[in-house]
Protein backbone atom coordinates (compact mmCIF):
# COMPACT_ATOMS: atom_id res chain seq x y z
CA MET A 1 -6.87 13.76 14.83
CA LYS A 2 -5.06 10.75 16.17
CA GLN A 3 -7.16 7.65 15.83
CA ILE A 4 -7.34 5.30 18.82
CA PHE A 5 -7.53 1.65 17.78
CA LYS A 6 -9.98 -0.55 19.64
CA ILE A 7 -10.44 -4.28 19.49
CA LEU A 8 -13.71 -4.93 17.72
CA SER A 9 -16.27 -7.39 19.05
CA VAL A 10 -17.28 -10.61 17.39
CA VAL A 11 -20.73 -9.11 16.85
CA PHE A 12 -19.17 -6.43 14.69
CA ILE A 13 -17.39 -9.07 12.63
CA VAL A 14 -20.70 -10.61 11.73
CA VAL A 15 -22.03 -7.37 10.27
CA PHE A 16 -19.02 -5.73 8.70
CA ILE A 17 -19.14 -7.66 5.43
CA LEU A 18 -21.68 -6.08 3.09
CA THR A 19 -20.66 -7.80 -0.12
CA ALA A 20 -18.97 -11.10 -0.86
CA THR A 21 -15.97 -11.90 -3.04
CA VAL A 22 -16.89 -11.41 -6.68
CA ALA A 23 -15.87 -13.94 -9.32
CA CYS A 24 -14.70 -12.15 -12.44
CA THR A 25 -13.95 -13.02 -16.04
CA GLY A 26 -10.87 -12.18 -18.03
CA ASP A 27 -7.78 -13.58 -19.72
CA LYS A 28 -6.84 -16.50 -17.50
CA ASP A 29 -4.47 -18.06 -20.03
CA LYS A 30 -1.59 -15.61 -20.05
CA ASN A 31 1.83 -17.19 -20.40
CA PRO A 32 3.44 -17.41 -16.93
CA ASP A 33 6.84 -17.03 -18.58
CA ASP A 34 5.91 -13.42 -19.36
CA VAL A 35 6.07 -12.57 -15.65
CA ILE A 36 9.45 -10.96 -15.09
CA PHE A 37 9.00 -9.43 -11.62
CA LYS A 38 6.83 -10.32 -8.64
CA VAL A 39 5.92 -7.85 -5.90
CA LEU A 40 4.40 -8.98 -2.60
CA HIS A 41 2.42 -6.10 -1.14
CA ILE A 42 1.81 -6.26 2.61
CA SER A 43 0.38 -3.65 4.94
CA ASP A 44 -0.72 -2.87 8.49
CA VAL A 45 1.27 -5.45 10.43
CA HIS A 46 0.80 -3.52 13.69
CA ILE A 47 3.58 -5.00 15.77
CA GLN A 48 2.55 -4.77 19.45
CA ASN A 49 5.81 -5.90 21.04
CA ASN A 50 3.91 -8.99 22.15
CA GLU A 51 5.77 -12.15 21.20
CA SER A 52 2.81 -14.48 20.70
CA LYS A 53 0.59 -11.97 18.88
CA ASP A 54 3.37 -10.61 16.69
CA GLN A 55 4.38 -14.13 15.70
CA LYS A 56 0.95 -14.68 14.15
CA ALA A 57 1.55 -11.76 11.80
CA PHE A 58 5.05 -13.01 11.03
CA ASP A 59 3.68 -16.48 10.27
CA THR A 60 1.15 -15.01 7.82
CA ILE A 61 3.87 -13.01 6.06
CA THR A 62 6.24 -15.97 5.96
CA GLU A 63 3.58 -18.16 4.38
CA MET A 64 2.98 -15.60 1.62
CA VAL A 65 6.70 -15.09 0.97
CA GLU A 66 7.41 -18.81 0.77
CA ASP A 67 4.50 -19.40 -1.59
CA SER A 68 5.09 -16.42 -3.89
CA ASP A 69 8.91 -16.23 -3.94
CA PRO A 70 8.72 -12.49 -4.71
CA ASP A 71 11.44 -10.32 -6.22
CA MET A 72 10.45 -7.49 -3.90
CA ILE A 73 8.30 -6.94 -0.82
CA VAL A 74 6.54 -3.58 -0.46
CA VAL A 75 5.31 -2.59 3.00
CA THR A 76 2.71 0.17 2.84
CA GLY A 77 2.89 1.43 6.38
CA ASP A 78 1.62 0.92 9.90
CA VAL A 79 4.30 -1.53 10.88
CA THR A 80 3.20 -0.52 14.38
CA SER A 81 0.91 1.78 16.30
CA GLU A 82 2.81 1.36 19.56
CA HIS A 83 4.37 4.26 21.45
CA ASP A 84 7.51 2.14 21.67
CA ASN A 85 7.84 2.12 17.90
CA GLU A 86 11.62 1.83 18.25
CA SER A 87 11.29 -1.69 19.66
CA ALA A 88 8.62 -2.55 17.09
CA PHE A 89 10.79 -1.54 14.13
CA LYS A 90 13.78 -3.33 15.64
CA LYS A 91 11.62 -6.43 15.74
CA PHE A 92 9.98 -6.13 12.32
CA CYS A 93 12.94 -5.06 10.19
CA PRO A 94 15.27 -7.96 11.07
CA PHE A 95 12.35 -10.30 10.40
CA ILE A 96 11.83 -8.92 6.88
CA GLU A 97 15.58 -8.81 6.31
CA SER A 98 15.78 -12.55 7.09
CA PHE A 99 14.16 -13.34 3.73
CA LYS A 100 17.12 -11.70 1.95
CA ILE A 101 14.74 -10.09 -0.55
CA PRO A 102 14.77 -6.39 -1.49
CA TRP A 103 11.97 -4.60 0.32
CA ALA A 104 10.46 -1.14 0.17
CA PHE A 105 8.72 0.83 2.88
CA VAL A 106 6.38 3.82 2.98
CA PHE A 107 5.05 5.48 6.11
CA GLY A 108 1.59 4.85 7.49
CA ASN A 109 -0.27 7.29 9.69
CA HIS A 110 0.78 5.48 12.89
CA ASP A 111 4.43 4.55 12.32
CA ALA A 112 5.96 7.82 13.56
CA GLU A 113 3.61 8.61 16.45
CA GLY A 114 5.83 7.09 19.13
CA LYS A 115 9.34 7.49 20.54
CA TRP A 116 10.80 7.58 17.05
CA GLY A 117 9.77 10.14 14.45
CA LYS A 118 10.23 9.77 10.71
CA VAL A 119 13.84 10.90 10.85
CA GLU A 120 14.80 8.27 13.43
CA ILE A 121 12.92 5.55 11.58
CA SER A 122 14.62 6.59 8.34
CA ASP A 123 18.02 6.45 10.05
CA TYR A 124 17.30 2.91 11.15
CA LEU A 125 16.00 1.81 7.75
CA ASP A 126 19.24 3.10 6.22
CA THR A 127 21.12 0.44 8.18
CA MET A 128 19.14 -2.43 6.63
CA GLN A 129 20.93 -4.41 3.95
CA TYR A 130 17.95 -5.27 1.77
CA CYS A 131 15.74 -2.23 2.34
CA ILE A 132 15.58 0.09 -0.69
CA TYR A 133 13.81 2.89 1.23
CA GLU A 134 14.99 6.41 0.41
CA ARG A 135 14.21 9.62 2.27
CA GLY A 136 13.71 11.30 -1.08
CA ASP A 137 13.22 15.00 -1.71
CA GLU A 138 12.14 17.36 1.04
CA PHE A 139 8.73 18.98 0.77
CA GLU A 140 7.34 22.18 2.17
CA ARG A 141 4.85 21.53 4.96
CA THR A 142 2.95 24.00 7.13
CA ASP A 143 3.45 21.70 10.09
CA LYS A 144 6.90 20.45 11.07
CA GLU A 145 5.87 17.77 13.54
CA TYR A 146 5.12 15.25 10.82
CA PRO A 147 7.39 15.90 7.82
CA CYS A 148 6.70 14.29 4.46
CA MET A 149 9.44 11.74 3.92
CA GLY A 150 10.09 8.64 1.83
CA ASN A 151 9.01 9.52 -1.71
CA TYR A 152 11.09 7.55 -4.21
CA TYR A 153 10.81 5.11 -7.09
CA TYR A 154 12.28 1.87 -8.40
CA ASN A 155 12.57 0.83 -12.05
CA VAL A 156 11.79 -2.79 -12.92
CA LYS A 157 13.90 -4.01 -15.83
CA ASP A 158 13.70 -7.03 -18.10
CA GLU A 159 16.56 -9.44 -18.82
CA ASN A 160 17.93 -6.99 -21.41
CA GLY A 161 18.00 -4.08 -18.99
CA LYS A 162 14.95 -2.34 -20.46
CA VAL A 163 12.73 -0.54 -17.96
CA VAL A 164 9.25 -2.07 -18.19
CA GLN A 165 7.63 -0.72 -15.03
CA THR A 166 8.27 1.98 -12.43
CA LEU A 167 7.22 1.45 -8.83
CA PHE A 168 6.42 4.74 -7.08
CA MET A 169 6.60 4.76 -3.27
CA MET A 170 4.94 7.79 -1.70
CA ASP A 171 4.29 9.12 1.78
CA SER A 172 0.54 9.73 2.02
CA ASN A 173 1.22 11.72 5.20
CA MET A 174 -0.63 11.34 8.49
CA TYR A 175 -3.21 13.87 9.72
CA GLY A 176 -4.48 17.09 8.21
CA TYR A 177 -3.15 20.14 10.02
CA ASP A 178 -5.66 22.82 11.02
CA GLU A 179 -3.68 26.07 10.97
CA VAL A 180 -6.48 28.11 12.54
CA ASN A 181 -6.79 25.95 15.64
CA ASP A 182 -3.22 24.60 15.54
CA ASN A 183 -4.21 20.94 15.75
CA TYR A 184 -4.46 17.76 13.69
CA ASP A 185 -8.21 17.28 13.99
CA LEU A 186 -9.09 17.62 10.31
CA GLY A 187 -8.87 13.88 9.63
CA TYR A 188 -6.48 11.79 7.56
CA ASP A 189 -4.16 13.84 5.41
CA LYS A 190 -3.96 14.05 1.63
CA PHE A 191 -1.20 14.44 -0.94
CA HIS A 192 0.07 18.01 -0.96
CA ASP A 193 0.60 19.96 -4.16
CA ASP A 194 4.39 19.72 -4.10
CA GLN A 195 4.18 15.93 -3.82
CA ILE A 196 1.89 15.76 -6.83
CA GLU A 197 4.34 17.98 -8.71
CA TRP A 198 7.15 15.61 -7.66
CA TYR A 199 5.22 12.62 -9.02
CA GLU A 200 4.63 14.32 -12.37
CA LYS A 201 8.25 15.37 -12.61
CA LYS A 202 9.51 11.84 -11.94
CA VAL A 203 7.08 10.24 -14.42
CA LYS A 204 8.40 12.58 -17.11
CA GLU A 205 12.03 12.06 -16.08
CA VAL A 206 11.67 8.30 -16.39
CA ALA A 207 9.91 8.67 -19.76
CA LEU A 208 12.65 10.92 -21.11
CA SER A 209 15.41 8.63 -19.86
CA VAL A 210 13.85 5.40 -21.13
CA ASN A 211 11.96 6.46 -24.27
CA GLY A 212 13.59 9.76 -25.21
CA SER A 213 10.43 11.80 -24.71
CA GLU A 214 8.53 13.05 -21.66
CA ASP A 215 5.30 12.14 -23.43
CA LYS A 216 6.19 8.46 -23.92
CA VAL A 217 5.50 7.42 -20.36
CA VAL A 218 6.63 4.13 -18.84
CA PRO A 219 3.91 2.04 -17.15
CA SER A 220 3.95 2.43 -13.39
CA LEU A 221 2.37 1.31 -10.13
CA ALA A 222 2.00 3.42 -6.99
CA PHE A 223 2.23 2.28 -3.39
CA PHE A 224 1.20 4.33 -0.35
CA HIS A 225 -0.81 3.98 2.85
CA ILE A 226 -3.91 6.19 2.94
CA PRO A 227 -6.32 5.59 0.03
CA MET A 228 -7.32 8.44 -2.24
CA THR A 229 -10.90 9.70 -2.25
CA GLU A 230 -11.45 7.81 -5.51
CA PHE A 231 -11.23 4.50 -3.67
CA LYS A 232 -14.63 5.28 -2.22
CA THR A 233 -15.99 6.72 -5.46
CA GLY A 234 -14.60 3.84 -7.49
CA TYR A 235 -16.05 1.17 -5.25
CA GLU A 236 -19.50 2.71 -5.08
CA GLU A 237 -19.64 3.13 -8.87
CA ALA A 238 -18.36 -0.40 -9.47
CA LYS A 239 -20.81 -1.87 -6.98
CA ALA A 240 -23.71 -0.08 -8.62
CA ALA A 241 -22.61 -1.47 -12.01
CA ASP A 242 -21.95 -4.97 -10.61
CA ALA A 243 -18.31 -4.55 -11.68
CA VAL A 244 -16.29 -5.02 -8.49
CA LEU A 245 -13.23 -7.05 -9.49
CA TYR A 246 -12.71 -8.47 -6.03
CA GLY A 247 -13.65 -7.81 -2.50
CA ALA A 248 -15.85 -6.93 0.35
CA GLN A 249 -16.97 -3.58 1.67
CA GLY A 250 -16.61 -3.09 5.39
CA ILE A 251 -18.11 -0.55 7.74
CA GLY A 252 -16.42 1.41 10.46
CA GLU A 253 -13.93 3.90 9.01
CA ASP A 254 -15.62 5.20 5.85
CA TYR A 255 -12.88 3.82 3.61
CA GLY A 256 -10.15 5.65 5.56
CA ILE A 257 -9.92 8.38 2.91
CA PRO A 258 -8.44 11.89 3.43
CA TYR A 259 -10.37 14.76 4.98
CA GLU A 260 -10.56 16.39 1.54
CA ASP A 261 -9.79 15.40 -2.03
CA ASP A 262 -6.54 16.16 -3.83
CA ASP A 263 -5.44 16.09 -7.47
CA MET A 264 -3.27 12.97 -7.38
CA LEU A 265 -5.70 10.70 -9.23
CA GLU A 266 -6.44 13.39 -11.82
CA THR A 267 -2.70 13.78 -12.39
CA MET A 268 -2.29 10.04 -12.82
CA LEU A 269 -5.06 9.99 -15.40
CA ARG A 270 -3.64 12.96 -17.29
CA LEU A 271 -0.15 11.49 -17.49
CA GLY A 272 -1.32 7.97 -18.33
CA SER A 273 1.53 6.14 -16.63
CA THR A 274 0.14 4.66 -13.41
CA LYS A 275 -2.32 1.80 -13.95
CA GLY A 276 -2.37 0.36 -10.45
CA VAL A 277 -2.53 1.90 -6.96
CA PHE A 278 -1.97 -0.24 -3.87
CA VAL A 279 -2.77 0.92 -0.33
CA GLY A 280 -3.51 -0.33 3.17
CA HIS A 281 -4.77 1.67 6.15
CA ASP A 282 -8.40 0.61 6.45
CA HIS A 283 -8.39 -2.98 7.66
CA MET A 284 -12.08 -3.38 6.92
CA TYR A 285 -11.69 -3.06 3.14
CA ASN A 286 -9.91 -5.41 0.76
CA PHE A 287 -11.48 -4.72 -2.64
CA VAL A 288 -10.04 -4.18 -6.10
CA VAL A 289 -11.89 -1.97 -8.59
CA ASP A 290 -11.07 -0.49 -11.97
CA TYR A 291 -11.62 3.26 -11.89
CA LYS A 292 -11.16 5.01 -15.24
CA GLY A 293 -8.50 2.48 -16.26
CA ILE A 294 -6.58 2.48 -12.97
CA LYS A 295 -6.89 -0.52 -10.66
CA LEU A 296 -7.38 0.63 -7.08
CA ALA A 297 -6.48 -2.12 -4.61
CA TYR A 298 -6.48 -2.40 -0.85
CA ALA A 299 -4.31 -5.05 0.75
CA ASN A 300 -5.78 -7.62 3.06
CA SER A 301 -4.07 -6.44 6.25
CA CYS A 302 -1.53 -8.62 8.06
CA ASP A 303 -2.86 -7.40 11.39
CA HIS A 304 -3.48 -10.11 13.99
CA ASN A 305 -3.41 -7.65 16.88
CA ILE A 306 -5.75 -4.69 16.50
CA TYR A 307 -8.84 -5.59 14.48
CA PHE A 308 -10.73 -8.84 14.15
CA VAL A 309 -10.78 -9.02 10.34
CA LEU A 310 -12.09 -12.03 8.46
CA LYS A 311 -9.33 -12.25 5.86
CA LYS A 312 -5.68 -11.46 6.50
CA GLY A 313 -3.06 -11.49 3.79
CA GLY A 314 -1.72 -9.31 1.01
CA ASN A 315 -1.42 -8.77 -2.74
CA LEU A 316 0.88 -10.55 -5.16
CA ILE A 317 1.48 -8.40 -8.22
CA ASN A 318 2.88 -10.17 -11.28
CA ILE A 319 4.53 -7.68 -13.62
CA ARG A 320 4.79 -8.83 -17.21
CA ARG A 321 7.30 -8.15 -19.93
CA ASP A 322 4.94 -5.75 -21.72
CA GLY A 323 4.40 -3.66 -18.57
CA SER A 324 0.99 -5.10 -17.77
CA PHE A 325 0.32 -6.77 -14.43
CA ASP A 326 -1.94 -9.26 -12.68
CA ILE A 327 -3.11 -9.33 -9.08
CA ILE A 328 -3.45 -12.37 -6.85
CA LYS A 329 -5.08 -11.93 -3.44
CA TYR A 330 -3.79 -13.88 -0.47
CA GLU A 331 -6.48 -14.36 2.14
CA LYS A 332 -6.19 -16.26 5.41
CA GLY A 333 -9.37 -16.91 7.36
CA PHE A 334 -10.02 -17.88 10.95
CA ASP A 335 -9.47 -21.54 10.00
CA GLY A 336 -5.81 -20.69 9.38
CA GLU A 337 -5.93 -21.77 5.74
CA MET A 338 -4.22 -19.47 3.25
CA LYS A 339 -6.06 -19.17 -0.06
CA LYS A 340 -5.16 -17.44 -3.31
CA VAL A 341 -7.71 -15.62 -5.44
CA GLU A 342 -6.80 -14.40 -8.92
CA VAL A 343 -8.31 -11.04 -9.78
CA PHE A 344 -9.46 -10.74 -13.38
CA ASP A 345 -11.16 -7.99 -15.33
């Protein structure tokens, strides 16, 4: 199933917010000197090869970069949904490169639908000076039209060279393949078993390398495009308990979750490494919830082209020396003012 984006009406904007931003309590007095690495998470830029519209997205990103001065930028997919994705990537990548900051990329469900497939996009990303994207291991897929590509990780180290956090970048795939009818009409895809096995293997490899034992896992964060089923479950449980850390629930795409559940979240819980998951995909959601000890966070999309969303922006993730992290939400409203909201639990 290939989703067709449509510009939403102003009437829809009025009704899509079901809950308001929630003020939360927590430790607001942490020492800022403990922050050793800052990640700016952006998603869903949706370059349209339209100079004036694309510039609005670039202005929003520039404002966040200049304010946060991040050590890394992570782009969780849907740089574009245009058929001429070659031109879109050749517009977006030099823009991000201009900051001269290392940046990571994972595929969204729309990036490879156009003239360029994942291989061609990967070839182009390989030419970027500051892009840390890796094609990663190959995975078995029933379908060959949309290969799984771009699963890799980055170790954050302190001033002494000790690994304090691992950042996992994963391809959440595109559309579920229906073998019986030979089509992609199942809905958004999920993580496949061999990807989940890859994640577990890498968590244990890092633990063994850093701490001398596969069981002594290093704290980690995960970045991908399509949210896991537990984003919906987590939000609904948190809302019922009045425990939403931040955010608003939108209507329109049913959270953008896969057509069926997978075992990625269960694997994360069993291993105990990943404590934060950051996604994009569904522009109508921007919440952060704590689900069984893992913070599940949408990004405020950077999209100025496809949807009329009330708050555009991203996530600033402050990684601390002890492997813990904080989240700051950037949100830019229709008045053009960029605000920052600290998320506490």
